[in-house]
Amino acid sequence: MTVDLFELCIHNRWSEVRKYLSSDAAEEEKKSKVMYRDDLGRTCLYVACCHGTPDDIIKAMLDIGGKELFMKKANNDRT
């Protein structure tokens, strides 16, 4: 399954994000996609928090990315 998780988050496609995060894709692949940073340093979690994402998706991202994801900062030093 080829998924651009960041783009799904940017476009508020939460049902597709939820489907991917709960899929049987390898955990390493999911973590890589959750930890991805764009040119501005934003992660999927950062975008999700700015777009009114359902709580279960935020929790799933944190479960996959852990403290490392939570502590990442964007290029402008925002978390």
C-alpha atoms as a PDB file:
ATOM      1  CA  MET A   1       0.000   0.000   0.000  1.00  0.00           C
ATOM      2  CA  THR A   2       1.614   3.257  -1.146  1.00  0.00           C
ATOM      3  CA  VAL A   3       0.384   6.073   1.044  1.00  0.00           C
ATOM      4  CA  ASP A   4       1.476   9.695   1.333  1.00  0.00           C
ATOM      5  CA  LEU A   5       0.368  10.149   4.913  1.00  0.00           C
ATOM      6  CA  PHE A   6       1.509  13.760   5.063  1.00  0.00           C
ATOM      7  CA  GLU A   7      -0.631  14.716   2.044  1.00  0.00           C
ATOM      8  CA  LEU A   8      -3.621  12.908   3.507  1.00  0.00           C
ATOM      9  CA  CYS A   9      -3.215  14.970   6.682  1.00  0.00           C
ATOM     10  CA  ILE A  10      -2.796  18.245   4.765  1.00  0.00           C
ATOM     11  CA  HIS A  11      -6.071  17.548   2.937  1.00  0.00           C
ATOM     12  CA  ASN A  12      -8.009  16.402   6.038  1.00  0.00           C
ATOM     13  CA  ARG A  13      -8.627  12.927   4.654  1.00  0.00           C
ATOM     14  CA  TRP A  14      -9.033  11.445   8.123  1.00  0.00           C
ATOM     15  CA  SER A  15     -10.817   8.235   7.150  1.00  0.00           C
ATOM     16  CA  GLU A  16      -7.885   7.332   4.880  1.00  0.00           C
ATOM     17  CA  VAL A  17      -5.362   8.326   7.564  1.00  0.00           C
ATOM     18  CA  ARG A  18      -7.216   6.178  10.101  1.00  0.00           C
ATOM     19  CA  LYS A  19      -7.353   3.256   7.673  1.00  0.00           C
ATOM     20  CA  TYR A  20      -3.588   3.414   7.051  1.00  0.00           C
ATOM     21  CA  LEU A  21      -2.607   3.815  10.698  1.00  0.00           C
ATOM     22  CA  SER A  22      -4.674   0.768  11.639  1.00  0.00           C
ATOM     23  CA  SER A  23      -3.556  -1.293   8.635  1.00  0.00           C
ATOM     24  CA  ASP A  24      -1.244  -4.281   8.711  1.00  0.00           C
ATOM     25  CA  ALA A  25       1.575  -2.259   7.121  1.00  0.00           C
ATOM     26  CA  ALA A  26       4.944  -2.859   8.777  1.00  0.00           C
ATOM     27  CA  GLU A  27       5.449  -0.808  11.939  1.00  0.00           C
ATOM     28  CA  GLU A  28       8.761   0.533  10.584  1.00  0.00           C
ATOM     29  CA  GLU A  29       6.960   1.820   7.492  1.00  0.00           C
ATOM     30  CA  LYS A  30       4.236   3.466   9.554  1.00  0.00           C
ATOM     31  CA  LYS A  31       6.791   5.091  11.844  1.00  0.00           C
ATOM     32  CA  SER A  32       8.756   6.378   8.857  1.00  0.00           C
ATOM     33  CA  LYS A  33       5.624   7.966   7.405  1.00  0.00           C
ATOM     34  CA  VAL A  34       4.511   9.427  10.748  1.00  0.00           C
ATOM     35  CA  MET A  35       8.000  10.849  11.368  1.00  0.00           C
ATOM     36  CA  TYR A  36       8.310  12.379   7.870  1.00  0.00           C
ATOM     37  CA  ARG A  37       9.133  16.113   7.855  1.00  0.00           C
ATOM     38  CA  ASP A  38       8.360  18.457   4.961  1.00  0.00           C
ATOM     39  CA  ASP A  39      10.595  21.346   3.827  1.00  0.00           C
ATOM     40  CA  LEU A  40       9.329  23.453   6.733  1.00  0.00           C
ATOM     41  CA  GLY A  41      10.060  20.674   9.235  1.00  0.00           C
ATOM     42  CA  ARG A  42       6.395  19.897   9.872  1.00  0.00           C
ATOM     43  CA  THR A  43       5.434  16.327  10.772  1.00  0.00           C
ATOM     44  CA  CYS A  44       2.090  14.621  10.234  1.00  0.00           C
ATOM     45  CA  LEU A  45       1.362  15.203  13.919  1.00  0.00           C
ATOM     46  CA  TYR A  46       2.037  18.940  13.580  1.00  0.00           C
ATOM     47  CA  VAL A  47      -0.297  19.194  10.574  1.00  0.00           C
ATOM     48  CA  ALA A  48      -2.924  17.024  12.238  1.00  0.00           C
ATOM     49  CA  CYS A  49      -2.950  19.203  15.357  1.00  0.00           C
ATOM     50  CA  CYS A  50      -3.445  22.313  13.211  1.00  0.00           C
ATOM     51  CA  HIS A  51      -6.343  20.787  11.273  1.00  0.00           C
ATOM     52  CA  GLY A  52      -8.752  19.614  13.979  1.00  0.00           C
ATOM     53  CA  THR A  53      -7.921  15.949  13.610  1.00  0.00           C
ATOM     54  CA  PRO A  54     -10.020  13.410  15.543  1.00  0.00           C
ATOM     55  CA  ASP A  55      -8.405  12.388  18.834  1.00  0.00           C
ATOM     56  CA  ASP A  56      -8.063   8.715  17.889  1.00  0.00           C
ATOM     57  CA  ILE A  57      -5.804   9.635  14.962  1.00  0.00           C
ATOM     58  CA  ILE A  58      -3.592  11.840  17.146  1.00  0.00           C
ATOM     59  CA  LYS A  59      -3.327   8.982  19.645  1.00  0.00           C
ATOM     60  CA  ALA A  60      -2.454   6.478  16.903  1.00  0.00           C
ATOM     61  CA  MET A  61       0.292   8.775  15.595  1.00  0.00           C
ATOM     62  CA  LEU A  62       1.720   9.170  19.090  1.00  0.00           C
ATOM     63  CA  ASP A  63       1.529   5.422  19.693  1.00  0.00           C
ATOM     64  CA  ILE A  64       3.537   4.851  16.517  1.00  0.00           C
ATOM     65  CA  GLY A  65       6.009   7.760  16.780  1.00  0.00           C
ATOM     66  CA  GLY A  66       6.354   7.881  20.553  1.00  0.00           C
ATOM     67  CA  LYS A  67       8.287  10.535  22.435  1.00  0.00           C
ATOM     68  CA  GLU A  68      10.569  11.101  19.448  1.00  0.00           C
ATOM     69  CA  LEU A  69       7.609  12.312  17.369  1.00  0.00           C
ATOM     70  CA  PHE A  70       6.155  14.340  20.220  1.00  0.00           C
ATOM     71  CA  MET A  71       9.444  16.204  20.746  1.00  0.00           C
ATOM     72  CA  LYS A  72      10.130  17.069  17.083  1.00  0.00           C
ATOM     73  CA  LYS A  73      10.134  20.767  16.248  1.00  0.00           C
ATOM     74  CA  ALA A  74       9.359  22.429  12.950  1.00  0.00           C
ATOM     75  CA  ASN A  75      12.022  24.641  11.361  1.00  0.00           C
ATOM     76  CA  ASN A  76      10.489  27.707  13.075  1.00  0.00           C
ATOM     77  CA  ASP A  77      11.053  26.009  16.472  1.00  0.00           C
ATOM     78  CA  ARG A  78       7.359  25.254  16.964  1.00  0.00           C
ATOM     79  CA  THR A  79       6.298  21.861  18.288  1.00  0.00           C
END
